[in-house]
Amino acid sequence: MKDIRKKLKISDTALKAVNDFLLDEKNPLINDLLTIIDKYGGVEEINKKAEEASRIENLLEKLKKKKPEYVKDIEWLISQRDNNSFISIADYRKKILGDKMSEMTFDEDFAITLELSSCQYFPFLMDMVRDAVENQKIVPGRIIRVRYMKEQEEDGDLLAMAAAMQIIGSTWVETLDTKGTTPGPDGMPVNVHLGGPDTITGYFGGVGQPNDFALKWIDEFIYYYTNYGIKQVLNLNPGTVLLGYFIHKLGINNEFKISVFMGNDNPYSCLWTLLTAKLFAREDGTSPLIGFNLANSVNNETIEVTAYIRKEFSFEDVVRIEHHITETWKSIVRQPYDRRDELMELAMKVKNISAKHEGANVDVDEKRDHPTDILEYFMTKEDIEEAGIWEALRVNLLDRYDAVNTTAKALIENGLTFIAAKNLHHRD
């Protein structure tokens, strides 16, 4: 066995071949990437523009011109944050545990990031934070968004959400329009053989960004990065994942989250993903891979083995393993789907993981006239309004938020803790 294992060693010759390929000045793959970077002024200029665009004062100045009525909501949110109107983690523990509080100890090294997906519209976010103030509930520490970028750029949601996330202290992810399931930024189909969500089976395994669309994805990312400071986006194709590693290695301060649609569903697929991340990490050990969403089919053992790989590659503090606790009632998994009990076991063993809530609690979703549905992520706002389901989607969002709070309560009751919106709840 020992002699056989040695055969897996990557030879210096193989590593040299890879480096020679990447550094070859005639390499069209790398040259095409560098052309896009040069289009935006080079690495330093890209990072400089992104930092300036992300400043809260600049976001608000743009918002005043684009959607002035949202500015009042942002100002209210700032005032509530500054007045400590949101419940602190310590007070939340007391609320849940009562007299048992003195008997409990919490290991912050194993804090679970509370994650909500997806919060599509800024007014829905405001409904959530207002409820959190009124009912002393928890706002999640991580929010995923899957809304059309061009659409929300036009109506002001992109600016408002970027500002709000900074104010509340939650990390957030945007989903670029060049993602396979929709037309690209230019309105043309990403893949002529695929229609839209109705042909979702055609996207298994990250398919959907063929030919030159991987480069278009990079172009689109840099546009939003430099104009709005959007740093972290969803990633679901092996090509765009690799390109994401490349531009970070070149110096762009991008980040991305690998989607559940990528299909990492066993330890070896996870090894492949993390192995590539290690090969293209910066000299300081950092990687743009911030969130790693495994497939819904994984069990705790696969997550634990993935955490072992992550630790061996010194990524434990870099790469968050993201796991669905609830899923939309329709169009993605067999129901009932509830992984909360498994999370309680996992949370005692694995650091830096998030509990993602894509659907409501099972007992809520199954009774809704309009339960959560993953395919509605791909609808335009106009289509939603024409279908008359705007209010239903608002209720769905609040149901997801309630599911987040159910998990928060369960974690505390089990002597575990969590990461919520840092600027709102983590004050002690």
Protein backbone atom coordinates (compact mmCIF):
# COMPACT_ATOMS: atom_id res chain seq x y z
CA MET A 1 0.00 0.00 0.00
CA LYS A 2 2.82 2.36 0.89
CA ASP A 3 4.56 1.91 -2.44
CA ILE A 4 1.31 2.30 -4.36
CA ARG A 5 0.46 5.56 -2.55
CA LYS A 6 3.74 7.12 -3.69
CA LYS A 7 2.60 6.82 -7.29
CA LEU A 8 0.09 9.63 -6.64
CA LYS A 9 2.86 12.18 -6.17
CA ILE A 10 2.69 14.99 -8.73
CA SER A 11 6.03 15.04 -10.49
CA ASP A 12 8.15 18.14 -10.93
CA THR A 13 7.89 17.51 -14.67
CA ALA A 14 4.08 17.71 -14.54
CA LEU A 15 4.15 20.89 -12.46
CA LYS A 16 6.66 22.41 -14.87
CA ALA A 17 4.39 21.57 -17.80
CA VAL A 18 1.47 23.33 -16.13
CA ASN A 19 3.52 26.41 -15.29
CA ASP A 20 5.01 26.54 -18.77
CA PHE A 21 1.52 26.39 -20.24
CA LEU A 22 0.17 29.19 -18.03
CA LEU A 23 3.18 31.45 -18.57
CA ASP A 24 3.43 30.97 -22.32
CA GLU A 25 2.97 34.43 -23.87
CA LYS A 26 1.23 32.82 -26.85
CA ASN A 27 -1.37 31.05 -24.70
CA PRO A 28 -4.74 32.25 -26.10
CA LEU A 29 -6.71 31.27 -22.97
CA ILE A 30 -4.64 33.48 -20.68
CA ASN A 31 -4.25 36.22 -23.28
CA ASP A 32 -8.02 36.52 -23.67
CA LEU A 33 -8.36 36.87 -19.90
CA LEU A 34 -5.64 39.52 -19.72
CA THR A 35 -7.34 41.46 -22.50
CA ILE A 36 -10.47 41.83 -20.36
CA ILE A 37 -8.40 42.96 -17.38
CA ASP A 38 -6.62 45.53 -19.55
CA LYS A 39 -10.01 46.77 -20.79
CA TYR A 40 -10.74 47.97 -17.24
CA GLY A 41 -7.32 49.56 -16.72
CA GLY A 42 -5.36 46.71 -15.17
CA VAL A 43 -5.38 45.07 -11.75
CA GLU A 44 -4.50 48.07 -9.61
CA GLU A 45 -7.02 50.33 -11.32
CA ILE A 46 -9.74 47.69 -11.01
CA ASN A 47 -9.20 47.32 -7.27
CA LYS A 48 -8.98 51.08 -6.81
CA LYS A 49 -12.28 51.68 -8.63
CA ALA A 50 -13.98 48.88 -6.69
CA GLU A 51 -12.87 50.25 -3.34
CA GLU A 52 -14.12 53.71 -4.24
CA ALA A 53 -17.42 52.40 -5.61
CA SER A 54 -18.09 50.38 -2.44
CA ARG A 55 -17.84 53.36 -0.07
CA ILE A 56 -21.16 53.81 1.66
CA GLU A 57 -21.25 57.55 0.96
CA ASN A 58 -20.78 56.94 -2.77
CA LEU A 59 -23.46 54.23 -2.84
CA LEU A 60 -25.91 56.55 -1.09
CA GLU A 61 -25.10 59.45 -3.40
CA LYS A 62 -25.92 57.25 -6.40
CA LEU A 63 -29.04 55.95 -4.65
CA LYS A 64 -30.35 59.49 -4.13
CA LYS A 65 -30.34 59.92 -7.90
CA LYS A 66 -31.60 56.46 -8.80
CA LYS A 67 -34.20 55.73 -6.09
CA PRO A 68 -34.46 58.58 -3.55
CA GLU A 69 -37.33 56.95 -1.63
CA TYR A 70 -34.97 54.14 -0.61
CA VAL A 71 -32.66 56.61 1.11
CA LYS A 72 -35.18 57.08 3.94
CA ASP A 73 -35.19 53.33 4.53
CA ILE A 74 -31.40 53.29 4.66
CA GLU A 75 -31.37 56.22 7.10
CA TRP A 76 -33.91 54.43 9.31
CA LEU A 77 -31.75 51.30 9.24
CA ILE A 78 -28.67 53.30 10.27
CA SER A 79 -30.57 54.93 13.15
CA GLN A 80 -31.90 51.61 14.42
CA ARG A 81 -28.43 50.10 14.26
CA ASP A 82 -26.86 53.06 16.07
CA ASN A 83 -29.59 53.06 18.74
CA ASN A 84 -29.02 49.34 19.44
CA SER A 85 -32.64 48.57 18.56
CA PHE A 86 -31.78 45.02 17.50
CA ILE A 87 -31.45 42.34 20.14
CA SER A 88 -27.89 41.51 21.17
CA ILE A 89 -26.62 37.93 21.10
CA ALA A 90 -26.37 37.95 24.91
CA ASP A 91 -29.95 39.14 25.32
CA TYR A 92 -31.15 36.64 22.72
CA ARG A 93 -29.55 33.82 24.70
CA LYS A 94 -31.29 35.04 27.84
CA LYS A 95 -34.57 35.24 25.95
CA ILE A 96 -34.25 31.61 24.82
CA LEU A 97 -32.64 30.03 27.88
CA GLY A 98 -33.95 32.05 30.81
CA ASP A 99 -32.49 30.75 34.08
CA LYS A 100 -30.55 28.05 32.23
CA MET A 101 -28.31 30.75 30.79
CA SER A 102 -25.90 30.53 33.74
CA GLU A 103 -25.39 26.83 33.11
CA MET A 104 -24.38 27.22 29.47
CA THR A 105 -21.05 27.97 27.81
CA PHE A 106 -20.67 28.81 24.13
CA ASP A 107 -17.64 28.06 21.97
CA GLU A 108 -17.41 30.89 19.44
CA ASP A 109 -14.85 28.91 17.42
CA PHE A 110 -17.73 26.72 16.26
CA ALA A 111 -20.24 29.49 15.57
CA ILE A 112 -22.59 28.71 12.67
CA THR A 113 -23.18 31.46 10.11
CA LEU A 114 -26.93 31.96 9.69
CA GLU A 115 -27.63 32.20 5.97
CA LEU A 116 -30.76 33.17 4.05
CA SER A 117 -31.34 32.54 0.36
CA SER A 118 -32.62 34.29 -1.50
CA CYS A 119 -33.51 37.87 -0.61
CA GLN A 120 -34.41 39.23 -4.03
CA TYR A 121 -35.84 42.68 -3.31
CA PHE A 122 -34.80 45.56 -1.06
CA PRO A 123 -38.38 46.18 0.22
CA PHE A 124 -38.45 42.54 1.40
CA LEU A 125 -35.20 43.11 3.31
CA MET A 126 -36.73 46.13 5.00
CA ASP A 127 -39.78 44.08 6.01
CA MET A 128 -37.40 41.57 7.59
CA VAL A 129 -35.31 44.07 9.56
CA ARG A 130 -38.40 45.92 10.77
CA ASP A 131 -39.81 42.66 12.07
CA ALA A 132 -36.47 41.91 13.76
CA VAL A 133 -36.70 45.20 15.65
CA GLU A 134 -40.36 44.80 16.57
CA ASN A 135 -40.16 41.16 17.65
CA GLN A 136 -36.52 41.03 18.75
CA LYS A 137 -35.51 38.39 16.25
CA ILE A 138 -32.28 37.63 14.44
CA VAL A 139 -31.18 39.00 11.07
CA PRO A 140 -28.98 36.46 9.24
CA GLY A 141 -25.26 37.04 8.90
CA ARG A 142 -25.18 35.99 5.27
CA ILE A 143 -27.61 36.73 2.44
CA ILE A 144 -27.67 35.25 -1.05
CA ARG A 145 -29.27 37.06 -3.98
CA VAL A 146 -30.27 35.58 -7.35
CA ARG A 147 -31.90 38.54 -9.03
CA TYR A 148 -31.21 39.84 -12.55
CA MET A 149 -28.31 42.27 -12.24
CA LYS A 150 -29.32 44.64 -15.03
CA GLU A 151 -32.88 44.77 -13.74
CA GLN A 152 -31.87 45.68 -10.18
CA GLU A 153 -29.23 48.08 -11.43
CA GLU A 154 -32.02 49.98 -13.17
CA ASP A 155 -34.54 50.07 -10.31
CA GLY A 156 -32.08 50.91 -7.50
CA ASP A 157 -32.18 47.62 -5.59
CA LEU A 158 -28.54 46.86 -6.35
CA LEU A 159 -27.37 50.11 -4.77
CA ALA A 160 -29.74 49.84 -1.82
CA MET A 161 -28.80 46.26 -1.03
CA ALA A 162 -25.07 46.97 -1.31
CA ALA A 163 -25.46 49.84 1.16
CA ALA A 164 -27.75 47.89 3.50
CA MET A 165 -25.40 44.91 3.71
CA GLN A 166 -22.56 47.16 4.82
CA ILE A 167 -24.80 48.81 7.41
CA ILE A 168 -26.02 45.57 8.99
CA GLY A 169 -22.67 43.79 8.68
CA SER A 170 -23.83 40.74 6.74
CA THR A 171 -21.86 39.16 3.93
CA TRP A 172 -23.78 38.82 0.70
CA VAL A 173 -23.53 37.25 -2.73
CA GLU A 174 -24.90 38.48 -6.04
CA THR A 175 -25.59 36.28 -9.07
CA LEU A 176 -24.36 37.56 -12.41
CA ASP A 177 -26.65 37.47 -15.44
CA THR A 178 -24.11 35.35 -17.34
CA LYS A 179 -25.09 32.24 -15.42
CA GLY A 180 -26.53 29.88 -17.99
CA THR A 181 -30.15 29.72 -16.90
CA THR A 182 -30.98 33.13 -18.38
CA PRO A 183 -30.01 35.30 -21.35
CA GLY A 184 -26.66 37.01 -20.94
CA PRO A 185 -26.14 40.74 -20.29
CA ASP A 186 -26.59 41.42 -24.00
CA GLY A 187 -29.97 39.67 -24.03
CA MET A 188 -28.74 36.79 -26.17
CA PRO A 189 -29.19 33.18 -25.04
CA VAL A 190 -26.21 31.81 -23.16
CA ASN A 191 -26.77 28.39 -24.67
CA VAL A 192 -28.90 28.06 -27.79
CA HIS A 193 -29.87 24.52 -26.84
CA LEU A 194 -31.31 25.53 -23.49
CA GLY A 195 -34.37 27.65 -22.89
CA GLY A 196 -34.60 28.78 -19.30
CA PRO A 197 -35.53 27.30 -15.96
CA ASP A 198 -37.99 25.00 -17.72
CA THR A 199 -34.96 23.16 -19.16
CA ILE A 200 -33.10 23.14 -15.84
CA THR A 201 -32.04 19.50 -16.24
CA GLY A 202 -29.74 20.68 -19.00
CA TYR A 203 -27.65 22.50 -16.42
CA PHE A 204 -26.68 19.51 -14.28
CA GLY A 205 -23.02 19.64 -13.35
CA GLY A 206 -22.51 23.36 -13.97
CA VAL A 207 -23.38 23.30 -17.68
CA GLY A 208 -24.66 26.59 -19.08
CA GLN A 209 -21.71 28.89 -19.80
CA PRO A 210 -20.40 27.46 -23.07
CA ASN A 211 -17.76 28.72 -25.46
CA ASP A 212 -16.91 32.39 -24.78
CA PHE A 213 -19.39 32.90 -21.94
CA ALA A 214 -16.84 32.13 -19.24
CA LEU A 215 -14.93 35.23 -20.35
CA LYS A 216 -18.18 37.21 -20.56
CA TRP A 217 -18.79 36.21 -16.94
CA ILE A 218 -15.43 37.72 -15.97
CA ASP A 219 -16.22 40.87 -17.96
CA GLU A 220 -19.59 41.20 -16.23
CA PHE A 221 -18.07 40.64 -12.79
CA ILE A 222 -15.42 43.33 -13.25
CA TYR A 223 -18.11 45.76 -14.44
CA TYR A 224 -20.13 45.38 -11.23
CA TYR A 225 -17.00 45.20 -9.10
CA THR A 226 -15.66 48.50 -10.42
CA ASN A 227 -18.99 50.33 -10.60
CA TYR A 228 -20.69 49.12 -7.40
CA GLY A 229 -18.00 47.44 -5.35
CA ILE A 230 -19.78 44.07 -5.68
CA LYS A 231 -17.02 41.78 -4.52
CA GLN A 232 -18.65 38.40 -4.06
CA VAL A 233 -20.69 36.55 -6.67
CA LEU A 234 -22.16 33.12 -7.25
CA ASN A 235 -20.08 30.66 -9.26
CA LEU A 236 -21.37 27.41 -10.75
CA ASN A 237 -19.24 26.38 -13.71
CA PRO A 238 -15.77 24.74 -13.62
CA GLY A 239 -14.49 27.27 -16.15
CA THR A 240 -15.63 30.35 -14.26
CA VAL A 241 -14.39 28.85 -11.00
CA LEU A 242 -10.94 28.45 -12.54
CA LEU A 243 -11.06 31.98 -13.97
CA GLY A 244 -12.07 33.24 -10.54
CA TYR A 245 -8.93 31.65 -9.10
CA PHE A 246 -6.85 33.13 -11.92
CA ILE A 247 -7.92 36.76 -11.50
CA HIS A 248 -7.42 36.56 -7.73
CA LYS A 249 -3.94 35.13 -8.24
CA LEU A 250 -3.25 38.01 -10.64
CA GLY A 251 -4.16 40.49 -7.90
CA ILE A 252 -7.86 41.33 -8.25
CA ASN A 253 -9.54 41.17 -4.83
CA ASN A 254 -12.53 39.15 -5.97
CA GLU A 255 -14.43 36.55 -3.97
CA PHE A 256 -16.97 33.93 -4.97
CA LYS A 257 -19.28 31.29 -3.61
CA ILE A 258 -19.63 27.95 -5.37
CA SER A 259 -23.30 27.17 -5.92
CA VAL A 260 -25.19 24.02 -5.01
CA PHE A 261 -25.80 23.70 -8.78
CA MET A 262 -22.10 22.94 -9.26
CA GLY A 263 -22.86 19.47 -7.96
CA ASN A 264 -20.09 18.82 -5.41
CA ASP A 265 -21.74 15.78 -3.85
CA ASN A 266 -18.92 13.49 -2.68
CA PRO A 267 -15.53 13.91 -0.97
CA TYR A 268 -13.62 13.46 -4.22
CA SER A 269 -15.47 16.19 -6.09
CA CYS A 270 -14.84 18.41 -3.06
CA LEU A 271 -11.16 17.43 -3.15
CA TRP A 272 -11.03 18.44 -6.82
CA THR A 273 -12.48 21.86 -6.02
CA LEU A 274 -10.25 22.52 -3.01
CA LEU A 275 -7.18 21.08 -4.74
CA THR A 276 -7.49 23.65 -7.51
CA ALA A 277 -8.09 26.38 -4.94
CA LYS A 278 -4.84 25.39 -3.23
CA LEU A 279 -2.85 25.33 -6.46
CA PHE A 280 -3.91 28.89 -7.30
CA ALA A 281 -3.98 30.41 -3.81
CA ARG A 282 -1.95 33.55 -3.27
CA GLU A 283 1.38 33.40 -1.48
CA ASP A 284 -0.36 34.48 1.75
CA GLY A 285 -2.63 31.43 1.52
CA THR A 286 -5.82 33.29 0.61
CA SER A 287 -8.27 32.13 -2.02
CA PRO A 288 -11.26 33.84 -3.63
CA LEU A 289 -13.31 30.75 -2.73
CA ILE A 290 -15.15 32.12 0.29
CA GLY A 291 -18.28 29.95 0.27
CA PHE A 292 -18.45 26.30 -0.79
CA ASN A 293 -22.05 25.10 -1.12
CA LEU A 294 -22.10 21.32 -1.38
CA ALA A 295 -24.96 19.47 -3.07
CA ASN A 296 -28.17 18.89 -1.14
CA SER A 297 -27.53 15.14 -1.24
CA VAL A 298 -24.42 15.20 0.96
CA ASN A 299 -24.53 13.67 4.42
CA ASN A 300 -22.65 14.78 7.52
CA GLU A 301 -19.81 12.36 6.84
CA THR A 302 -19.09 13.97 3.46
CA ILE A 303 -19.13 17.41 5.05
CA GLU A 304 -16.73 16.25 7.76
CA VAL A 305 -14.34 14.73 5.21
CA THR A 306 -14.52 17.93 3.19
CA ALA A 307 -13.66 19.85 6.34
CA TYR A 308 -10.67 17.54 6.80
CA ILE A 309 -9.46 18.36 3.26
CA ARG A 310 -10.05 22.05 3.90
CA LYS A 311 -8.00 21.96 7.11
CA GLU A 312 -5.12 20.06 5.51
CA PHE A 313 -4.95 22.76 2.83
CA SER A 314 -4.98 25.54 5.49
CA PHE A 315 -8.34 26.83 4.31
CA GLU A 316 -10.34 26.38 7.51
CA ASP A 317 -10.58 30.13 8.12
CA VAL A 318 -10.80 30.97 4.41
CA VAL A 319 -13.45 28.69 2.91
CA ARG A 320 -16.88 28.49 4.55
CA ILE A 321 -18.71 25.21 3.96
CA GLU A 322 -22.34 26.09 3.23
CA HIS A 323 -25.11 23.57 3.82
CA HIS A 324 -28.84 23.78 3.08
CA ILE A 325 -30.96 23.28 6.19
CA THR A 326 -34.23 24.02 4.43
CA GLU A 327 -34.92 24.03 0.68
CA THR A 328 -37.67 25.49 -1.47
CA TRP A 329 -40.80 23.37 -1.38
CA LYS A 330 -40.94 23.12 -5.16
CA SER A 331 -38.62 22.42 -8.09
CA ILE A 332 -35.35 21.33 -6.49
CA VAL A 333 -35.52 18.50 -3.88
CA ARG A 334 -37.87 15.85 -2.62
CA GLN A 335 -39.81 17.12 0.35
CA PRO A 336 -39.86 17.09 3.30
CA TYR A 337 -36.31 18.40 3.45
CA ASP A 338 -35.12 19.46 6.91
CA ARG A 339 -31.47 19.03 7.95
CA ARG A 340 -31.66 20.90 11.26
CA ASP A 341 -31.10 17.88 13.51
CA GLU A 342 -28.05 16.90 11.47
CA LEU A 343 -26.75 20.47 11.80
CA MET A 344 -26.82 20.20 15.59
CA GLU A 345 -24.45 17.23 15.37
CA LEU A 346 -22.26 18.81 12.73
CA ALA A 347 -21.97 22.11 14.56
CA MET A 348 -20.09 20.42 17.41
CA LYS A 349 -17.42 19.07 15.07
CA VAL A 350 -16.89 21.36 12.07
CA LYS A 351 -15.75 24.99 12.16
CA ASN A 352 -16.70 27.73 9.71
CA ILE A 353 -19.92 26.38 8.27
CA SER A 354 -23.16 28.12 7.43
CA ALA A 355 -26.75 27.02 7.81
CA LYS A 356 -28.50 28.02 4.62
CA HIS A 357 -32.27 28.50 4.54
CA GLU A 358 -33.69 28.45 1.03
CA GLY A 359 -37.20 27.44 2.05
CA ALA A 360 -39.56 27.85 4.95
CA ASN A 361 -39.92 25.37 7.77
CA VAL A 362 -41.58 22.24 6.39
CA ASP A 363 -44.73 22.62 8.47
CA VAL A 364 -45.18 26.15 7.12
CA ASP A 365 -44.30 25.65 3.45
CA GLU A 366 -46.52 22.60 2.99
CA LYS A 367 -49.58 24.61 4.05
CA ARG A 368 -48.95 27.72 1.95
CA ASP A 369 -51.19 28.33 -1.05
CA HIS A 370 -48.02 29.61 -2.70
CA PRO A 371 -45.02 27.76 -1.20
CA THR A 372 -41.41 28.57 -1.99
CA ASP A 373 -40.30 27.66 -5.52
CA ILE A 374 -36.70 27.83 -6.83
CA LEU A 375 -37.87 28.56 -10.38
CA GLU A 376 -39.26 31.93 -9.30
CA TYR A 377 -35.69 33.14 -8.82
CA PHE A 378 -35.50 33.30 -12.60
CA MET A 379 -38.59 35.45 -13.11
CA THR A 380 -38.32 39.13 -13.92
CA LYS A 381 -39.93 41.61 -11.58
CA GLU A 382 -42.36 42.53 -14.35
CA ASP A 383 -43.40 38.88 -14.76
CA ILE A 384 -43.88 38.55 -11.00
CA GLU A 385 -46.12 41.58 -10.87
CA GLU A 386 -48.11 40.42 -13.89
CA ALA A 387 -48.58 37.01 -12.28
CA GLY A 388 -49.87 38.72 -9.12
CA ILE A 389 -47.48 36.88 -6.80
CA TRP A 390 -45.48 39.80 -5.37
CA GLU A 391 -47.15 39.50 -1.95
CA ALA A 392 -46.75 35.72 -1.98
CA LEU A 393 -43.01 36.09 -2.58
CA ARG A 394 -42.77 38.62 0.24
CA VAL A 395 -44.42 36.09 2.56
CA ASN A 396 -42.05 33.39 1.29
CA LEU A 397 -39.08 35.60 2.22
CA LEU A 398 -40.42 36.18 5.71
CA ASP A 399 -41.00 32.44 6.03
CA ARG A 400 -37.33 31.82 5.21
CA TYR A 401 -36.37 34.40 7.80
CA ASP A 402 -38.53 32.61 10.36
CA ALA A 403 -36.75 29.36 9.46
CA VAL A 404 -33.43 31.11 10.16
CA ASN A 405 -34.74 32.08 13.58
CA THR A 406 -35.94 28.54 14.26
CA THR A 407 -32.38 27.36 13.65
CA ALA A 408 -30.94 30.15 15.81
CA LYS A 409 -33.18 29.08 18.69
CA ALA A 410 -32.27 25.40 18.26
CA LEU A 411 -28.56 26.19 18.25
CA ILE A 412 -28.81 28.15 21.50
CA GLU A 413 -30.89 25.43 23.15
CA ASN A 414 -28.17 22.94 22.25
CA GLY A 415 -25.39 25.05 23.70
CA LEU A 416 -24.22 26.18 20.27
CA THR A 417 -23.90 29.64 18.85
CA PHE A 418 -24.14 31.49 15.56
CA ILE A 419 -23.02 34.45 13.49
CA ALA A 420 -25.83 36.87 12.70
CA ALA A 421 -25.71 40.36 11.13
CA LYS A 422 -22.60 41.54 12.96
CA ASN A 423 -23.37 45.26 13.20
CA LEU A 424 -26.85 44.58 14.58
CA HIS A 425 -26.47 41.74 17.07
CA HIS A 426 -22.80 41.21 17.99
CA ARG A 427 -22.33 44.11 20.37
CA ASP A 428 -20.91 42.51 23.52
